[in-house]
């Protein structure tokens, strides 16, 4: 059976599904699809910690599904802008998981991950499957993936 490592950019999928469909991502349906006939060896969901009770409940749901939830503090700058992305953390974790994985699944539309997808495919001969909202996913990321899976109604709540 194939081994799979899953990496979910929680903020990216939240904002893109809300923007495109005014709905939320269905993590249970996604998990069933991504792990079908595969053995998950890693599953990470990367989120921003805003110390909010609703978010804590959501994070517990992700843990119950099978995700290891990684949190980074929300940083509000003095100029009103905010900081809180996981690009480097996701990249490091993917590179560490790739040698032991047949498939890397990335849920994000962020074009910054196109180089990561190419590198993992070339260096480790892993399949890289990307899930994203088609209209809001960088074309460079779609092209770099082995397979692009558009988020559609079956992956929405």
N, C-alpha and C. Protein backbone atom coordinates (compact mmCIF):
# COMPACT_ATOMS: atom_id res chain seq x y z
N UNK A 1 0.84 -1.19 0.00
CA UNK A 1 0.00 0.00 0.00
C UNK A 1 0.89 1.25 0.00
N UNK A 2 0.46 2.26 -0.73
CA UNK A 2 1.22 3.51 -0.79
C UNK A 2 1.20 4.23 0.55
N UNK A 3 2.30 4.94 0.83
CA UNK A 3 2.33 5.81 2.00
C UNK A 3 2.06 7.24 1.55
N UNK A 4 1.35 7.97 2.38
CA UNK A 4 1.00 9.35 2.05
C UNK A 4 1.28 10.27 3.23
N UNK A 5 1.80 11.43 2.93
CA UNK A 5 1.99 12.50 3.91
C UNK A 5 1.16 13.69 3.45
N UNK A 6 0.39 14.24 4.38
CA UNK A 6 -0.59 15.28 4.07
C UNK A 6 -0.22 16.58 4.78
N UNK A 7 -0.31 17.68 4.04
CA UNK A 7 0.04 19.00 4.55
C UNK A 7 -1.05 19.98 4.15
N UNK A 8 -1.72 20.56 5.14
CA UNK A 8 -2.84 21.47 4.87
C UNK A 8 -2.52 22.87 5.38
N UNK A 9 -2.53 23.82 4.45
CA UNK A 9 -2.38 25.24 4.75
C UNK A 9 -3.78 25.74 5.12
N UNK A 10 -4.11 25.66 6.41
CA UNK A 10 -5.47 25.91 6.88
C UNK A 10 -5.98 27.29 6.49
N UNK A 11 -5.16 28.33 6.67
CA UNK A 11 -5.61 29.68 6.34
C UNK A 11 -5.90 29.80 4.85
N UNK A 12 -5.03 29.25 4.01
CA UNK A 12 -5.22 29.34 2.58
C UNK A 12 -6.52 28.66 2.15
N UNK A 13 -6.76 27.45 2.62
CA UNK A 13 -7.97 26.74 2.20
C UNK A 13 -9.22 27.40 2.78
N UNK A 14 -9.12 27.96 3.97
CA UNK A 14 -10.27 28.65 4.56
C UNK A 14 -10.67 29.86 3.71
N UNK A 15 -9.70 30.71 3.43
CA UNK A 15 -10.02 31.94 2.70
C UNK A 15 -10.40 31.69 1.24
N UNK A 16 -9.77 30.71 0.60
CA UNK A 16 -10.10 30.47 -0.81
C UNK A 16 -11.47 29.82 -0.97
N UNK A 17 -11.82 28.88 -0.10
CA UNK A 17 -13.15 28.26 -0.22
C UNK A 17 -14.25 29.24 0.17
N UNK A 18 -13.97 30.08 1.15
CA UNK A 18 -14.97 31.11 1.53
C UNK A 18 -15.15 32.12 0.41
N UNK A 19 -14.04 32.53 -0.21
CA UNK A 19 -14.10 33.52 -1.28
C UNK A 19 -14.81 32.96 -2.52
N UNK A 20 -14.45 31.76 -2.92
CA UNK A 20 -14.98 31.20 -4.16
C UNK A 20 -16.38 30.62 -4.01
N UNK A 21 -16.66 29.98 -2.86
CA UNK A 21 -17.91 29.24 -2.72
C UNK A 21 -18.80 29.69 -1.56
N UNK A 22 -18.26 30.56 -0.70
CA UNK A 22 -18.96 30.96 0.52
C UNK A 22 -19.33 29.74 1.37
N UNK A 23 -18.42 28.76 1.35
CA UNK A 23 -18.58 27.53 2.13
C UNK A 23 -17.23 27.16 2.75
N UNK A 24 -17.29 26.23 3.67
CA UNK A 24 -16.07 25.76 4.33
C UNK A 24 -15.61 24.43 3.73
N UNK A 25 -14.33 24.17 3.86
CA UNK A 25 -13.71 22.94 3.40
C UNK A 25 -14.16 21.79 4.30
N UNK A 26 -14.44 20.65 3.70
CA UNK A 26 -14.87 19.46 4.44
C UNK A 26 -13.64 18.58 4.67
N UNK A 27 -13.04 18.71 5.85
CA UNK A 27 -11.82 17.97 6.17
C UNK A 27 -12.05 16.47 6.24
N UNK A 28 -13.23 16.04 6.68
CA UNK A 28 -13.52 14.61 6.72
C UNK A 28 -13.58 14.01 5.32
N UNK A 29 -14.28 14.67 4.41
CA UNK A 29 -14.36 14.19 3.03
C UNK A 29 -12.99 14.20 2.38
N UNK A 30 -12.22 15.24 2.64
CA UNK A 30 -10.87 15.32 2.10
C UNK A 30 -10.02 14.17 2.62
N UNK A 31 -10.06 13.93 3.93
CA UNK A 31 -9.25 12.87 4.54
C UNK A 31 -9.59 11.52 3.89
N UNK A 32 -10.89 11.26 3.72
CA UNK A 32 -11.30 9.99 3.11
C UNK A 32 -10.75 9.87 1.70
N UNK A 33 -10.78 10.94 0.95
CA UNK A 33 -10.28 10.92 -0.43
C UNK A 33 -8.76 10.79 -0.49
N UNK A 34 -8.06 11.56 0.31
CA UNK A 34 -6.59 11.58 0.25
C UNK A 34 -5.95 10.30 0.79
N UNK A 35 -6.65 9.61 1.69
CA UNK A 35 -6.07 8.40 2.30
C UNK A 35 -6.64 7.11 1.73
N UNK A 36 -7.56 7.20 0.78
CA UNK A 36 -8.17 6.00 0.21
C UNK A 36 -7.09 5.08 -0.36
N UNK A 37 -7.07 3.85 0.12
CA UNK A 37 -6.10 2.83 -0.30
C UNK A 37 -4.65 3.25 -0.05
N UNK A 38 -4.45 4.07 0.95
CA UNK A 38 -3.10 4.55 1.32
C UNK A 38 -2.94 4.52 2.83
N UNK A 39 -1.70 4.42 3.25
CA UNK A 39 -1.38 4.49 4.67
C UNK A 39 -0.83 5.88 4.99
N UNK A 40 -1.57 6.67 5.78
CA UNK A 40 -1.03 7.98 6.15
C UNK A 40 0.10 7.82 7.17
N UNK A 41 1.24 8.43 6.86
CA UNK A 41 2.36 8.37 7.80
C UNK A 41 2.61 9.73 8.46
N UNK A 42 2.11 10.79 7.84
CA UNK A 42 2.17 12.14 8.41
C UNK A 42 0.90 12.86 7.96
N UNK A 43 0.39 13.71 8.83
CA UNK A 43 -0.75 14.54 8.45
C UNK A 43 -0.70 15.79 9.32
N UNK A 44 -0.36 16.90 8.70
CA UNK A 44 -0.22 18.15 9.43
C UNK A 44 -1.22 19.18 8.93
N UNK A 45 -1.80 19.91 9.86
CA UNK A 45 -2.65 21.06 9.54
C UNK A 45 -1.98 22.26 10.20
N UNK A 46 -1.67 23.26 9.39
CA UNK A 46 -0.92 24.43 9.85
C UNK A 46 -1.89 25.60 10.01
N UNK A 47 -1.97 26.13 11.22
CA UNK A 47 -2.95 27.17 11.51
C UNK A 47 -2.31 28.28 12.34
N UNK A 48 -3.05 29.36 12.43
CA UNK A 48 -2.65 30.51 13.24
C UNK A 48 -3.43 30.46 14.54
N UNK A 49 -2.74 30.64 15.65
CA UNK A 49 -3.35 30.59 16.97
C UNK A 49 -3.78 31.99 17.39
N UNK A 50 -5.09 32.20 17.39
CA UNK A 50 -5.64 33.50 17.80
C UNK A 50 -6.24 33.44 19.20
N UNK A 51 -6.02 32.33 19.88
CA UNK A 51 -6.54 32.16 21.25
C UNK A 51 -8.06 32.28 21.30
N UNK A 52 -8.72 31.79 20.28
CA UNK A 52 -10.17 31.89 20.14
C UNK A 52 -10.79 30.52 20.44
N UNK A 53 -11.87 30.49 21.20
CA UNK A 53 -12.49 29.23 21.61
C UNK A 53 -13.04 28.44 20.42
N UNK A 54 -13.64 29.12 19.45
CA UNK A 54 -14.15 28.42 18.26
C UNK A 54 -13.01 27.77 17.48
N UNK A 55 -11.89 28.46 17.39
CA UNK A 55 -10.74 27.89 16.69
C UNK A 55 -10.19 26.69 17.45
N UNK A 56 -10.19 26.75 18.76
CA UNK A 56 -9.71 25.61 19.56
C UNK A 56 -10.59 24.38 19.30
N UNK A 57 -11.90 24.60 19.21
CA UNK A 57 -12.81 23.49 18.91
C UNK A 57 -12.53 22.92 17.52
N UNK A 58 -12.33 23.80 16.55
CA UNK A 58 -12.01 23.38 15.19
C UNK A 58 -10.70 22.58 15.17
N UNK A 59 -9.70 23.06 15.89
CA UNK A 59 -8.41 22.36 15.95
C UNK A 59 -8.57 20.98 16.58
N UNK A 60 -9.44 20.85 17.56
CA UNK A 60 -9.70 19.54 18.16
C UNK A 60 -10.38 18.60 17.18
N UNK A 61 -11.24 19.15 16.33
CA UNK A 61 -11.87 18.33 15.27
C UNK A 61 -10.80 17.82 14.32
N UNK A 62 -9.88 18.69 13.93
CA UNK A 62 -8.79 18.27 13.04
C UNK A 62 -7.97 17.15 13.69
N UNK A 63 -7.69 17.29 14.96
CA UNK A 63 -6.92 16.26 15.67
C UNK A 63 -7.69 14.93 15.68
N UNK A 64 -9.00 15.00 15.89
CA UNK A 64 -9.82 13.78 15.92
C UNK A 64 -9.84 13.08 14.55
N UNK A 65 -9.75 13.85 13.49
CA UNK A 65 -9.70 13.27 12.14
C UNK A 65 -8.38 12.53 11.94
N UNK A 66 -7.30 13.06 12.51
CA UNK A 66 -5.99 12.42 12.36
C UNK A 66 -4.85 13.38 12.11
N UNK A 67 -5.15 14.67 12.11
CA UNK A 67 -4.12 15.67 11.86
C UNK A 67 -3.34 16.02 13.12
N UNK A 68 -2.07 16.27 12.94
CA UNK A 68 -1.24 16.91 13.95
C UNK A 68 -1.36 18.40 13.64
N UNK A 69 -1.94 19.17 14.54
CA UNK A 69 -2.17 20.59 14.31
C UNK A 69 -0.96 21.38 14.80
N UNK A 70 -0.39 22.14 13.90
CA UNK A 70 0.75 23.00 14.24
C UNK A 70 0.25 24.44 14.27
N UNK A 71 0.55 25.13 15.36
CA UNK A 71 0.06 26.49 15.55
C UNK A 71 1.21 27.48 15.59
N UNK A 72 0.96 28.62 15.00
CA UNK A 72 1.90 29.74 15.04
C UNK A 72 1.11 30.93 15.59
N UNK A 73 1.72 31.72 16.45
CA UNK A 73 0.98 32.85 17.02
C UNK A 73 0.62 33.89 15.96
N UNK A 74 -0.55 34.48 16.14
CA UNK A 74 -1.00 35.57 15.29
C UNK A 74 -0.26 36.82 15.74
N UNK A 75 0.37 37.51 14.78
CA UNK A 75 1.14 38.72 15.10
C UNK A 75 0.47 39.91 14.44
N UNK A 76 0.05 40.84 15.26
CA UNK A 76 -0.54 42.08 14.76
C UNK A 76 0.54 43.17 14.84
N UNK A 77 0.90 43.72 13.71
CA UNK A 77 1.94 44.75 13.68
C UNK A 77 1.36 46.10 14.06
N UNK A 78 2.24 47.02 14.46
CA UNK A 78 1.79 48.35 14.89
C UNK A 78 1.15 49.13 13.75
N UNK A 79 1.48 48.79 12.49
CA UNK A 79 0.88 49.50 11.36
C UNK A 79 -0.49 48.92 10.97
N UNK A 80 -0.96 47.92 11.73
CA UNK A 80 -2.27 47.34 11.45
C UNK A 80 -2.20 46.07 10.62
N UNK A 81 -1.09 45.82 9.96
CA UNK A 81 -0.95 44.60 9.16
C UNK A 81 -0.75 43.41 10.09
N UNK A 82 -0.91 42.21 9.53
CA UNK A 82 -0.78 41.00 10.33
C UNK A 82 0.22 40.05 9.68
N UNK A 83 0.79 39.20 10.50
CA UNK A 83 1.76 38.22 10.02
C UNK A 83 1.38 36.86 10.58
N UNK A 84 1.50 35.85 9.78
CA UNK A 84 1.22 34.51 10.29
C UNK A 84 1.12 33.50 9.17
N UNK A 85 2.19 33.27 8.45
CA UNK A 85 2.12 32.22 7.43
C UNK A 85 3.09 31.11 7.75
N UNK A 86 2.80 29.95 7.21
CA UNK A 86 3.53 28.74 7.52
C UNK A 86 4.38 28.25 6.36
N UNK A 87 4.65 29.05 5.36
CA UNK A 87 5.33 28.57 4.15
C UNK A 87 6.65 27.85 4.45
N UNK A 88 7.48 28.43 5.29
CA UNK A 88 8.78 27.82 5.58
C UNK A 88 8.58 26.53 6.38
N UNK A 89 7.69 26.55 7.36
CA UNK A 89 7.43 25.36 8.16
C UNK A 89 6.89 24.21 7.33
N UNK A 90 5.96 24.51 6.44
CA UNK A 90 5.41 23.47 5.56
C UNK A 90 6.52 22.91 4.68
N UNK A 91 7.33 23.79 4.12
CA UNK A 91 8.42 23.35 3.24
C UNK A 91 9.38 22.41 3.96
N UNK A 92 9.78 22.78 5.17
CA UNK A 92 10.71 21.93 5.93
C UNK A 92 10.08 20.58 6.21
N UNK A 93 8.81 20.57 6.65
CA UNK A 93 8.15 19.31 6.97
C UNK A 93 7.97 18.42 5.74
N UNK A 94 7.65 19.02 4.59
CA UNK A 94 7.51 18.24 3.36
C UNK A 94 8.85 17.61 2.99
N UNK A 95 9.92 18.39 3.06
CA UNK A 95 11.24 17.86 2.71
C UNK A 95 11.67 16.74 3.66
N UNK A 96 11.29 16.84 4.92
CA UNK A 96 11.62 15.78 5.88
C UNK A 96 10.78 14.52 5.66
N UNK A 97 9.54 14.68 5.22
CA UNK A 97 8.64 13.54 5.03
C UNK A 97 8.84 12.85 3.68
N UNK A 98 9.28 13.58 2.69
CA UNK A 98 9.35 13.05 1.32
C UNK A 98 10.15 11.76 1.18
N UNK A 99 11.31 11.60 1.83
CA UNK A 99 12.07 10.36 1.64
C UNK A 99 11.31 9.10 2.04
N UNK A 100 10.35 9.22 2.96
CA UNK A 100 9.60 8.06 3.45
C UNK A 100 8.19 7.96 2.87
N UNK A 101 7.84 8.85 1.94
CA UNK A 101 6.48 8.93 1.41
C UNK A 101 6.44 8.59 -0.07
N UNK A 102 5.42 7.86 -0.46
CA UNK A 102 5.18 7.63 -1.89
C UNK A 102 4.45 8.83 -2.49
N UNK A 103 3.58 9.44 -1.67
CA UNK A 103 2.76 10.56 -2.13
C UNK A 103 2.81 11.68 -1.11
N UNK A 104 2.97 12.90 -1.61
CA UNK A 104 2.84 14.11 -0.79
C UNK A 104 1.56 14.78 -1.25
N UNK A 105 0.67 15.07 -0.30
CA UNK A 105 -0.56 15.79 -0.60
C UNK A 105 -0.46 17.16 0.05
N UNK A 106 -0.62 18.19 -0.76
CA UNK A 106 -0.55 19.57 -0.28
C UNK A 106 -1.87 20.25 -0.57
N UNK A 107 -2.49 20.80 0.46
CA UNK A 107 -3.72 21.57 0.30
C UNK A 107 -3.35 23.04 0.43
N UNK A 108 -3.23 23.69 -0.71
CA UNK A 108 -2.90 25.11 -0.76
C UNK A 108 -2.92 25.56 -2.21
N UNK A 109 -3.23 26.80 -2.41
CA UNK A 109 -3.16 27.36 -3.76
C UNK A 109 -1.99 28.30 -3.92
N UNK A 110 -1.13 28.35 -2.92
CA UNK A 110 -0.03 29.31 -2.86
C UNK A 110 1.07 28.94 -3.86
N UNK A 111 1.31 29.82 -4.81
CA UNK A 111 2.32 29.60 -5.83
C UNK A 111 3.73 29.49 -5.30
N UNK A 112 3.97 29.93 -4.07
CA UNK A 112 5.30 29.80 -3.47
C UNK A 112 5.70 28.33 -3.33
N UNK A 113 4.73 27.42 -3.36
CA UNK A 113 5.02 26.01 -3.20
C UNK A 113 5.37 25.31 -4.52
N UNK A 114 5.37 26.02 -5.64
CA UNK A 114 5.68 25.35 -6.91
C UNK A 114 7.10 24.79 -6.93
N UNK A 115 8.06 25.53 -6.40
CA UNK A 115 9.44 25.04 -6.35
C UNK A 115 9.56 23.80 -5.45
N UNK A 116 8.83 23.80 -4.35
CA UNK A 116 8.82 22.66 -3.45
C UNK A 116 8.28 21.42 -4.17
N UNK A 117 7.18 21.57 -4.86
CA UNK A 117 6.58 20.44 -5.58
C UNK A 117 7.55 19.88 -6.62
N UNK A 118 8.20 20.76 -7.37
CA UNK A 118 9.17 20.31 -8.37
C UNK A 118 10.34 19.58 -7.71
N UNK A 119 10.86 20.13 -6.64
CA UNK A 119 12.03 19.55 -5.96
C UNK A 119 11.70 18.17 -5.40
N UNK A 120 10.55 18.03 -4.77
CA UNK A 120 10.15 16.75 -4.18
C UNK A 120 9.97 15.69 -5.28
N UNK A 121 9.38 16.08 -6.38
CA UNK A 121 9.20 15.13 -7.49
C UNK A 121 10.56 14.69 -8.05
N UNK A 122 11.46 15.65 -8.24
CA UNK A 122 12.76 15.33 -8.83
C UNK A 122 13.67 14.56 -7.88
N UNK A 123 13.79 15.04 -6.65
CA UNK A 123 14.76 14.47 -5.71
C UNK A 123 14.30 13.15 -5.10
N UNK A 124 13.00 13.02 -4.82
CA UNK A 124 12.51 11.84 -4.11
C UNK A 124 11.57 10.97 -4.94
N UNK A 125 11.29 11.36 -6.17
CA UNK A 125 10.38 10.62 -7.04
C UNK A 125 9.02 10.40 -6.39
N UNK A 126 8.60 11.35 -5.59
CA UNK A 126 7.28 11.30 -4.95
C UNK A 126 6.23 11.87 -5.90
N UNK A 127 5.04 11.31 -5.82
CA UNK A 127 3.90 11.97 -6.44
C UNK A 127 3.56 13.18 -5.56
N UNK A 128 3.22 14.28 -6.18
CA UNK A 128 2.78 15.46 -5.43
C UNK A 128 1.38 15.79 -5.91
N UNK A 129 0.42 15.64 -5.02
CA UNK A 129 -0.97 15.93 -5.33
C UNK A 129 -1.35 17.22 -4.61
N UNK A 130 -1.81 18.17 -5.38
CA UNK A 130 -2.22 19.46 -4.83
C UNK A 130 -3.74 19.57 -4.89
N UNK A 131 -4.32 20.03 -3.79
CA UNK A 131 -5.74 20.34 -3.72
C UNK A 131 -5.85 21.85 -3.54
N UNK A 132 -6.69 22.49 -4.34
CA UNK A 132 -6.89 23.92 -4.21
C UNK A 132 -8.12 24.37 -4.96
N UNK A 133 -8.57 25.56 -4.65
CA UNK A 133 -9.67 26.18 -5.40
C UNK A 133 -9.08 26.59 -6.74
N UNK A 134 -9.58 26.00 -7.81
CA UNK A 134 -8.95 26.16 -9.13
C UNK A 134 -8.74 27.62 -9.52
N UNK A 135 -9.76 28.44 -9.36
CA UNK A 135 -9.66 29.85 -9.78
C UNK A 135 -8.69 30.65 -8.91
N UNK A 136 -8.36 30.13 -7.74
CA UNK A 136 -7.51 30.86 -6.80
C UNK A 136 -6.19 30.13 -6.51
N UNK A 137 -5.87 29.15 -7.32
CA UNK A 137 -4.60 28.42 -7.18
C UNK A 137 -3.65 28.87 -8.26
N UNK A 138 -2.42 29.12 -7.88
CA UNK A 138 -1.40 29.57 -8.83
C UNK A 138 -1.21 28.51 -9.92
N UNK A 139 -1.22 28.94 -11.16
CA UNK A 139 -1.04 28.01 -12.27
C UNK A 139 0.32 27.33 -12.19
N UNK A 140 1.32 28.03 -11.67
CA UNK A 140 2.65 27.42 -11.53
C UNK A 140 2.63 26.23 -10.57
N UNK A 141 1.80 26.31 -9.53
CA UNK A 141 1.68 25.20 -8.59
C UNK A 141 0.93 24.04 -9.23
N UNK A 142 -0.12 24.33 -9.96
CA UNK A 142 -0.87 23.27 -10.65
C UNK A 142 0.04 22.52 -11.62
N UNK A 143 0.88 23.27 -12.34
CA UNK A 143 1.78 22.66 -13.31
C UNK A 143 2.91 21.86 -12.65
N UNK A 144 3.34 22.30 -11.49
CA UNK A 144 4.44 21.63 -10.79
C UNK A 144 4.00 20.33 -10.14
N UNK A 145 2.71 20.19 -9.85
CA UNK A 145 2.19 19.00 -9.19
C UNK A 145 2.11 17.83 -10.17
N UNK A 146 2.17 16.64 -9.63
CA UNK A 146 1.90 15.45 -10.43
C UNK A 146 0.44 15.44 -10.82
N UNK A 147 -0.40 15.87 -9.87
CA UNK A 147 -1.84 15.87 -10.07
C UNK A 147 -2.44 17.05 -9.32
N UNK A 148 -3.35 17.76 -9.99
CA UNK A 148 -4.07 18.84 -9.33
C UNK A 148 -5.51 18.39 -9.13
N UNK A 149 -6.01 18.52 -7.91
CA UNK A 149 -7.38 18.16 -7.57
C UNK A 149 -8.14 19.42 -7.18
N UNK A 150 -9.01 19.89 -8.06
CA UNK A 150 -9.76 21.10 -7.71
C UNK A 150 -10.75 20.83 -6.59
N UNK A 151 -10.82 21.76 -5.65
CA UNK A 151 -11.81 21.66 -4.58
C UNK A 151 -13.14 22.05 -5.18
N UNK A 152 -14.07 21.09 -5.09
CA UNK A 152 -15.43 21.28 -5.63
C UNK A 152 -16.43 20.88 -4.56
N UNK A 153 -17.68 20.83 -4.92
CA UNK A 153 -18.76 20.61 -3.95
C UNK A 153 -18.57 19.39 -3.04
N UNK A 154 -17.99 18.30 -3.57
CA UNK A 154 -17.83 17.10 -2.73
C UNK A 154 -16.82 17.30 -1.60
N UNK A 155 -16.03 18.38 -1.67
CA UNK A 155 -15.07 18.67 -0.60
C UNK A 155 -15.46 19.92 0.19
N UNK A 156 -16.73 20.29 0.10
CA UNK A 156 -17.23 21.45 0.83
C UNK A 156 -18.35 21.06 1.78
N UNK A 157 -18.47 21.79 2.87
CA UNK A 157 -19.56 21.56 3.83
C UNK A 157 -20.82 22.26 3.35
